[in-house]
Amino acid sequence: MVNLKSIQKIHNKLMYHDKCDIFVYDKVKKDNGAISTKKSLTPIYKNVPCKISFSLRTWDMFNRKSIDTNTYEKQPKIFIDVEYKVEPGYYIEARRFDPKTGQLIATYKGQAGLPQVSLTHQEILLDVRGDS
């Protein structure tokens, strides 16, 4: 019988060269006890090994208005281990590193979509609202 955990460890070591931080939005209480309309980001996972890939963004190409901006045409997809519980709406900051030198290449920030969970990993589309 194959030990899935040992295969998963090897897979993670070989594939996950990038890192991400996962945050949840928390309500903020003011000094007077009232709850603010602003929400703060509270980290729940830091330096999570991941792999950053990209998916074509065809589902909303016609909804965006591009006036003096260069909108993203591809959407970052984050691959992480199933041990991390990520819910839609969590905020993710993913960092891509050069696997040979370890230098930071790029950072992608946005809200998590609905995770697609399998036995060995999960895939999370990152909704990046901004311009490149």
N, C-alpha and C. Protein backbone atom coordinates (compact mmCIF):
# COMPACT_ATOMS: atom_id res chain seq x y z
N MET A 1 0.84 -1.18 0.00
CA MET A 1 0.00 0.00 0.00
C MET A 1 0.89 1.26 0.00
N VAL A 2 0.50 2.24 -0.75
CA VAL A 2 1.27 3.47 -0.89
C VAL A 2 0.89 4.45 0.22
N ASN A 3 1.91 5.02 0.84
CA ASN A 3 1.68 6.02 1.88
C ASN A 3 1.53 7.38 1.21
N LEU A 4 0.30 7.90 1.19
CA LEU A 4 0.00 9.15 0.50
C LEU A 4 0.74 10.34 1.12
N LYS A 5 0.93 10.33 2.44
CA LYS A 5 1.60 11.45 3.12
C LYS A 5 3.05 11.59 2.67
N SER A 6 3.76 10.48 2.51
CA SER A 6 5.17 10.56 2.09
C SER A 6 5.29 11.03 0.66
N ILE A 7 4.37 10.61 -0.20
CA ILE A 7 4.37 11.08 -1.59
C ILE A 7 4.04 12.56 -1.63
N GLN A 8 3.13 12.97 -0.78
CA GLN A 8 2.74 14.39 -0.72
C GLN A 8 3.91 15.26 -0.28
N LYS A 9 4.71 14.82 0.68
CA LYS A 9 5.88 15.58 1.13
C LYS A 9 6.89 15.75 0.00
N ILE A 10 7.13 14.68 -0.75
CA ILE A 10 8.06 14.75 -1.89
C ILE A 10 7.51 15.70 -2.94
N HIS A 11 6.23 15.58 -3.23
CA HIS A 11 5.58 16.47 -4.21
C HIS A 11 5.71 17.93 -3.81
N ASN A 12 5.44 18.23 -2.54
CA ASN A 12 5.52 19.61 -2.05
C ASN A 12 6.93 20.17 -2.17
N LYS A 13 7.92 19.35 -1.85
CA LYS A 13 9.31 19.80 -1.91
C LYS A 13 9.75 20.10 -3.34
N LEU A 14 9.29 19.29 -4.28
CA LEU A 14 9.68 19.45 -5.68
C LEU A 14 8.90 20.56 -6.39
N MET A 15 7.64 20.76 -6.02
CA MET A 15 6.77 21.66 -6.79
C MET A 15 6.59 23.04 -6.18
N TYR A 16 6.59 23.15 -4.87
CA TYR A 16 6.21 24.40 -4.23
C TYR A 16 7.44 25.26 -3.92
N HIS A 17 7.83 26.10 -4.89
CA HIS A 17 8.97 27.00 -4.72
C HIS A 17 8.55 28.40 -4.29
N ASP A 18 7.24 28.67 -4.35
CA ASP A 18 6.72 29.99 -4.01
C ASP A 18 6.18 29.96 -2.58
N LYS A 19 5.82 31.15 -2.07
CA LYS A 19 5.28 31.27 -0.70
C LYS A 19 4.06 32.18 -0.74
N CYS A 20 3.15 31.96 0.21
CA CYS A 20 2.00 32.87 0.32
C CYS A 20 1.62 33.04 1.78
N ASP A 21 0.99 34.19 2.05
CA ASP A 21 0.42 34.48 3.35
C ASP A 21 -1.09 34.56 3.16
N ILE A 22 -1.83 33.98 4.09
CA ILE A 22 -3.29 33.95 3.99
C ILE A 22 -3.88 34.71 5.17
N PHE A 23 -4.79 35.64 4.87
CA PHE A 23 -5.37 36.52 5.88
C PHE A 23 -6.89 36.37 5.87
N VAL A 24 -7.50 36.71 7.00
CA VAL A 24 -8.94 36.78 7.11
C VAL A 24 -9.29 38.22 7.50
N TYR A 25 -10.42 38.71 7.01
CA TYR A 25 -10.88 40.06 7.36
C TYR A 25 -11.57 40.01 8.72
N ASP A 26 -11.12 40.83 9.65
CA ASP A 26 -11.74 40.91 10.98
C ASP A 26 -12.37 42.27 11.19
N LYS A 27 -13.46 42.30 11.97
CA LYS A 27 -14.10 43.57 12.33
C LYS A 27 -13.21 44.30 13.32
N VAL A 28 -13.22 45.60 13.22
CA VAL A 28 -12.40 46.44 14.10
C VAL A 28 -13.31 47.20 15.05
N LYS A 29 -13.00 47.12 16.34
CA LYS A 29 -13.76 47.89 17.33
C LYS A 29 -13.06 49.22 17.57
N LYS A 30 -13.87 50.27 17.58
CA LYS A 30 -13.34 51.59 17.89
C LYS A 30 -13.16 51.74 19.40
N ASP A 31 -12.51 52.82 19.81
CA ASP A 31 -12.28 53.07 21.24
C ASP A 31 -13.59 53.19 22.02
N ASN A 32 -14.63 53.68 21.34
CA ASN A 32 -15.92 53.85 22.03
C ASN A 32 -16.76 52.57 22.04
N GLY A 33 -16.22 51.47 21.50
CA GLY A 33 -16.91 50.20 21.51
C GLY A 33 -17.71 49.90 20.26
N ALA A 34 -17.87 50.91 19.39
CA ALA A 34 -18.61 50.70 18.15
C ALA A 34 -17.76 49.90 17.17
N ILE A 35 -18.42 49.18 16.29
CA ILE A 35 -17.70 48.41 15.28
C ILE A 35 -17.51 49.29 14.05
N SER A 36 -16.28 49.40 13.61
CA SER A 36 -15.93 50.23 12.47
C SER A 36 -16.38 49.57 11.17
N THR A 37 -16.59 50.38 10.14
CA THR A 37 -16.90 49.83 8.82
C THR A 37 -15.63 49.30 8.15
N LYS A 38 -14.47 49.73 8.62
CA LYS A 38 -13.20 49.22 8.11
C LYS A 38 -12.93 47.86 8.73
N LYS A 39 -12.28 47.00 7.98
CA LYS A 39 -11.90 45.69 8.49
C LYS A 39 -10.39 45.55 8.40
N SER A 40 -9.83 44.85 9.37
CA SER A 40 -8.39 44.65 9.36
C SER A 40 -8.07 43.25 8.85
N LEU A 41 -6.86 43.10 8.32
CA LEU A 41 -6.41 41.80 7.85
C LEU A 41 -5.65 41.11 8.98
N THR A 42 -6.11 39.94 9.37
CA THR A 42 -5.45 39.16 10.41
C THR A 42 -4.84 37.92 9.77
N PRO A 43 -3.53 37.74 9.91
CA PRO A 43 -2.90 36.55 9.29
C PRO A 43 -3.32 35.27 9.98
N ILE A 44 -3.65 34.25 9.18
CA ILE A 44 -3.95 32.94 9.75
C ILE A 44 -2.88 31.91 9.36
N TYR A 45 -2.23 32.10 8.21
CA TYR A 45 -1.11 31.26 7.77
C TYR A 45 -0.04 32.16 7.18
N LYS A 46 1.22 31.93 7.55
CA LYS A 46 2.34 32.73 7.03
C LYS A 46 3.33 31.79 6.34
N ASN A 47 3.93 32.28 5.25
CA ASN A 47 4.96 31.55 4.50
C ASN A 47 4.54 30.13 4.12
N VAL A 48 3.34 30.01 3.59
CA VAL A 48 2.82 28.72 3.15
C VAL A 48 3.48 28.36 1.82
N PRO A 49 4.10 27.18 1.71
CA PRO A 49 4.65 26.77 0.42
C PRO A 49 3.53 26.62 -0.61
N CYS A 50 3.75 27.18 -1.80
CA CYS A 50 2.73 27.13 -2.83
C CYS A 50 3.37 27.15 -4.21
N LYS A 51 2.54 27.02 -5.22
CA LYS A 51 2.97 27.20 -6.60
C LYS A 51 1.99 28.17 -7.24
N ILE A 52 2.54 29.16 -7.94
CA ILE A 52 1.71 30.14 -8.63
C ILE A 52 1.65 29.79 -10.10
N SER A 53 0.44 29.70 -10.62
CA SER A 53 0.22 29.46 -12.03
C SER A 53 -0.76 30.53 -12.51
N PHE A 54 -1.16 30.46 -13.76
CA PHE A 54 -2.10 31.45 -14.29
C PHE A 54 -3.18 30.78 -15.09
N SER A 55 -4.37 31.34 -15.01
CA SER A 55 -5.53 30.86 -15.73
C SER A 55 -6.06 32.02 -16.57
N LEU A 56 -6.51 31.73 -17.80
CA LEU A 56 -7.08 32.79 -18.63
C LEU A 56 -8.34 33.32 -17.99
N ARG A 57 -8.50 34.60 -18.09
CA ARG A 57 -9.64 35.27 -17.46
C ARG A 57 -10.69 35.59 -18.52
N THR A 58 -11.40 34.57 -18.96
CA THR A 58 -12.36 34.78 -20.05
C THR A 58 -13.75 35.10 -19.54
N TRP A 59 -14.05 34.75 -18.30
CA TRP A 59 -15.41 34.89 -17.79
C TRP A 59 -15.82 36.33 -17.54
N ASP A 60 -14.87 37.26 -17.41
CA ASP A 60 -15.30 38.64 -17.17
C ASP A 60 -14.62 39.65 -18.10
N MET A 61 -14.13 39.19 -19.23
CA MET A 61 -13.43 40.08 -20.17
C MET A 61 -14.31 41.23 -20.65
N PHE A 62 -15.59 40.97 -20.81
CA PHE A 62 -16.47 41.98 -21.37
C PHE A 62 -17.10 42.88 -20.31
N ASN A 63 -16.93 42.56 -19.05
CA ASN A 63 -17.51 43.36 -17.98
C ASN A 63 -16.61 44.51 -17.54
N ARG A 64 -15.33 44.40 -17.79
CA ARG A 64 -14.37 45.41 -17.33
C ARG A 64 -14.25 46.55 -18.34
N LYS A 65 -14.12 47.75 -17.83
CA LYS A 65 -13.90 48.89 -18.70
C LYS A 65 -12.42 49.25 -18.63
N SER A 66 -11.79 49.36 -19.77
CA SER A 66 -10.36 49.65 -19.83
C SER A 66 -10.13 51.05 -20.38
N ILE A 67 -10.16 52.01 -19.49
CA ILE A 67 -9.89 53.38 -19.89
C ILE A 67 -8.61 53.80 -19.21
N ASP A 68 -7.57 54.02 -19.98
CA ASP A 68 -6.26 54.42 -19.47
C ASP A 68 -5.70 53.45 -18.44
N THR A 69 -6.04 52.18 -18.56
CA THR A 69 -5.47 51.18 -17.66
C THR A 69 -5.10 49.95 -18.47
N ASN A 70 -4.23 49.16 -17.89
CA ASN A 70 -3.83 47.90 -18.49
C ASN A 70 -4.30 46.80 -17.55
N THR A 71 -5.50 46.28 -17.77
CA THR A 71 -6.07 45.30 -16.84
C THR A 71 -5.41 43.93 -17.03
N TYR A 72 -5.46 43.11 -15.99
CA TYR A 72 -4.92 41.76 -16.07
C TYR A 72 -5.73 40.93 -17.05
N GLU A 73 -5.06 40.17 -17.90
CA GLU A 73 -5.75 39.27 -18.80
C GLU A 73 -5.68 37.85 -18.29
N LYS A 74 -4.79 37.61 -17.35
CA LYS A 74 -4.67 36.29 -16.76
C LYS A 74 -4.88 36.40 -15.26
N GLN A 75 -5.40 35.35 -14.68
CA GLN A 75 -5.73 35.35 -13.27
C GLN A 75 -4.79 34.38 -12.54
N PRO A 76 -4.11 34.85 -11.48
CA PRO A 76 -3.24 33.94 -10.74
C PRO A 76 -4.03 32.81 -10.09
N LYS A 77 -3.44 31.62 -10.14
CA LYS A 77 -4.01 30.44 -9.49
C LYS A 77 -2.96 29.92 -8.52
N ILE A 78 -3.36 29.71 -7.27
CA ILE A 78 -2.45 29.28 -6.22
C ILE A 78 -2.71 27.80 -5.92
N PHE A 79 -1.66 27.01 -5.93
CA PHE A 79 -1.73 25.60 -5.56
C PHE A 79 -1.10 25.46 -4.17
N ILE A 80 -1.85 24.92 -3.22
CA ILE A 80 -1.32 24.69 -1.87
C ILE A 80 -1.80 23.34 -1.35
N ASP A 81 -1.19 22.92 -0.26
CA ASP A 81 -1.52 21.66 0.38
C ASP A 81 -2.93 21.73 0.97
N VAL A 82 -3.58 20.57 1.07
CA VAL A 82 -4.95 20.52 1.59
C VAL A 82 -5.03 20.76 3.10
N GLU A 83 -3.91 20.73 3.80
CA GLU A 83 -3.93 20.95 5.26
C GLU A 83 -4.30 22.38 5.63
N TYR A 84 -4.18 23.31 4.69
CA TYR A 84 -4.54 24.71 4.94
C TYR A 84 -5.99 24.93 4.54
N LYS A 85 -6.79 25.36 5.49
CA LYS A 85 -8.21 25.59 5.22
C LYS A 85 -8.40 27.02 4.74
N VAL A 86 -8.77 27.16 3.46
CA VAL A 86 -8.96 28.47 2.84
C VAL A 86 -10.40 28.58 2.40
N GLU A 87 -11.03 29.67 2.79
CA GLU A 87 -12.42 29.90 2.42
C GLU A 87 -12.50 31.04 1.40
N PRO A 88 -13.55 31.06 0.57
CA PRO A 88 -13.71 32.16 -0.37
C PRO A 88 -13.75 33.49 0.38
N GLY A 89 -13.06 34.49 -0.16
CA GLY A 89 -13.05 35.81 0.46
C GLY A 89 -11.81 36.07 1.29
N TYR A 90 -11.07 35.03 1.66
CA TYR A 90 -9.81 35.25 2.36
C TYR A 90 -8.88 36.06 1.45
N TYR A 91 -8.01 36.84 2.06
CA TYR A 91 -7.06 37.66 1.31
C TYR A 91 -5.73 36.91 1.25
N ILE A 92 -5.15 36.79 0.06
CA ILE A 92 -3.90 36.06 -0.12
C ILE A 92 -2.86 36.96 -0.76
N GLU A 93 -1.65 36.93 -0.21
CA GLU A 93 -0.48 37.58 -0.80
C GLU A 93 0.49 36.48 -1.18
N ALA A 94 0.65 36.25 -2.49
CA ALA A 94 1.53 35.19 -2.98
C ALA A 94 2.79 35.80 -3.57
N ARG A 95 3.94 35.18 -3.27
CA ARG A 95 5.23 35.66 -3.75
C ARG A 95 5.90 34.59 -4.59
N ARG A 96 6.28 34.97 -5.81
CA ARG A 96 6.98 34.04 -6.70
C ARG A 96 8.48 34.24 -6.55
N PHE A 97 9.19 33.14 -6.36
CA PHE A 97 10.63 33.16 -6.19
C PHE A 97 11.30 32.39 -7.33
N ASP A 98 12.50 32.82 -7.68
CA ASP A 98 13.33 32.08 -8.63
C ASP A 98 13.81 30.82 -7.92
N PRO A 99 13.51 29.61 -8.45
CA PRO A 99 13.90 28.40 -7.75
C PRO A 99 15.41 28.20 -7.63
N LYS A 100 16.16 28.80 -8.54
CA LYS A 100 17.62 28.63 -8.50
C LYS A 100 18.30 29.61 -7.54
N THR A 101 17.89 30.88 -7.61
CA THR A 101 18.57 31.91 -6.81
C THR A 101 17.82 32.25 -5.52
N GLY A 102 16.53 31.95 -5.48
CA GLY A 102 15.73 32.28 -4.31
C GLY A 102 15.30 33.74 -4.25
N GLN A 103 15.56 34.49 -5.33
CA GLN A 103 15.19 35.91 -5.36
C GLN A 103 13.70 36.07 -5.66
N LEU A 104 13.11 37.10 -5.04
CA LEU A 104 11.71 37.43 -5.27
C LEU A 104 11.54 37.97 -6.68
N ILE A 105 10.61 37.39 -7.43
CA ILE A 105 10.36 37.81 -8.81
C ILE A 105 9.12 38.69 -8.90
N ALA A 106 8.02 38.26 -8.24
CA ALA A 106 6.76 39.00 -8.33
C ALA A 106 5.89 38.70 -7.12
N THR A 107 4.96 39.62 -6.86
CA THR A 107 3.99 39.46 -5.78
C THR A 107 2.59 39.64 -6.35
N TYR A 108 1.68 38.78 -5.95
CA TYR A 108 0.29 38.84 -6.39
C TYR A 108 -0.59 38.89 -5.15
N LYS A 109 -1.54 39.84 -5.13
CA LYS A 109 -2.40 40.03 -3.97
C LYS A 109 -3.85 40.06 -4.42
N GLY A 110 -4.72 39.42 -3.65
CA GLY A 110 -6.14 39.47 -3.98
C GLY A 110 -6.96 38.54 -3.11
N GLN A 111 -8.25 38.48 -3.41
CA GLN A 111 -9.17 37.65 -2.64
C GLN A 111 -9.27 36.26 -3.25
N ALA A 112 -9.37 35.28 -2.36
CA ALA A 112 -9.49 33.89 -2.78
C ALA A 112 -10.89 33.59 -3.29
N GLY A 113 -10.93 32.82 -4.36
CA GLY A 113 -12.21 32.30 -4.83
C GLY A 113 -12.50 30.98 -4.14
N LEU A 114 -13.47 30.25 -4.63
CA LEU A 114 -13.83 28.95 -4.06
C LEU A 114 -12.73 27.95 -4.37
N PRO A 115 -12.09 27.37 -3.34
CA PRO A 115 -11.01 26.41 -3.59
C PRO A 115 -11.53 25.13 -4.26
N GLN A 116 -10.75 24.65 -5.21
CA GLN A 116 -11.03 23.35 -5.82
C GLN A 116 -10.12 22.35 -5.11
N VAL A 117 -10.69 21.52 -4.26
CA VAL A 117 -9.92 20.64 -3.39
C VAL A 117 -9.87 19.23 -3.96
N SER A 118 -8.65 18.65 -4.01
CA SER A 118 -8.47 17.26 -4.40
C SER A 118 -7.80 16.53 -3.23
N LEU A 119 -7.40 15.29 -3.42
CA LEU A 119 -6.78 14.52 -2.34
C LEU A 119 -5.41 15.07 -1.94
N THR A 120 -4.65 15.58 -2.90
CA THR A 120 -3.26 15.97 -2.63
C THR A 120 -3.03 17.47 -2.54
N HIS A 121 -3.91 18.26 -3.10
CA HIS A 121 -3.70 19.71 -3.12
C HIS A 121 -5.03 20.43 -3.34
N GLN A 122 -4.96 21.76 -3.30
CA GLN A 122 -6.12 22.57 -3.65
C GLN A 122 -5.68 23.70 -4.57
N GLU A 123 -6.57 24.10 -5.44
CA GLU A 123 -6.32 25.19 -6.39
C GLU A 123 -7.25 26.34 -6.05
N ILE A 124 -6.66 27.53 -5.94
CA ILE A 124 -7.44 28.71 -5.56
C ILE A 124 -7.20 29.82 -6.57
N LEU A 125 -8.26 30.25 -7.24
CA LEU A 125 -8.13 31.40 -8.14
C LEU A 125 -8.08 32.67 -7.30
N LEU A 126 -7.16 33.54 -7.65
CA LEU A 126 -6.97 34.79 -6.92
C LEU A 126 -7.61 35.91 -7.71
N ASP A 127 -8.57 36.60 -7.11
CA ASP A 127 -9.25 37.71 -7.76
C ASP A 127 -8.44 38.99 -7.50
N VAL A 128 -7.65 39.35 -8.48
CA VAL A 128 -6.77 40.51 -8.36
C VAL A 128 -7.48 41.70 -8.95
N ARG A 129 -7.78 42.67 -8.11
CA ARG A 129 -8.46 43.90 -8.57
C ARG A 129 -7.42 45.00 -8.65
N GLY A 130 -6.95 45.24 -9.84
CA GLY A 130 -5.95 46.28 -9.98
C GLY A 130 -5.35 46.24 -11.36
N ASP A 131 -4.38 47.06 -11.55
CA ASP A 131 -3.71 47.16 -12.82
C ASP A 131 -2.26 46.71 -12.67
N SER A 132 -1.71 46.21 -13.79
CA SER A 132 -0.32 45.76 -13.75
C SER A 132 0.63 46.92 -13.91
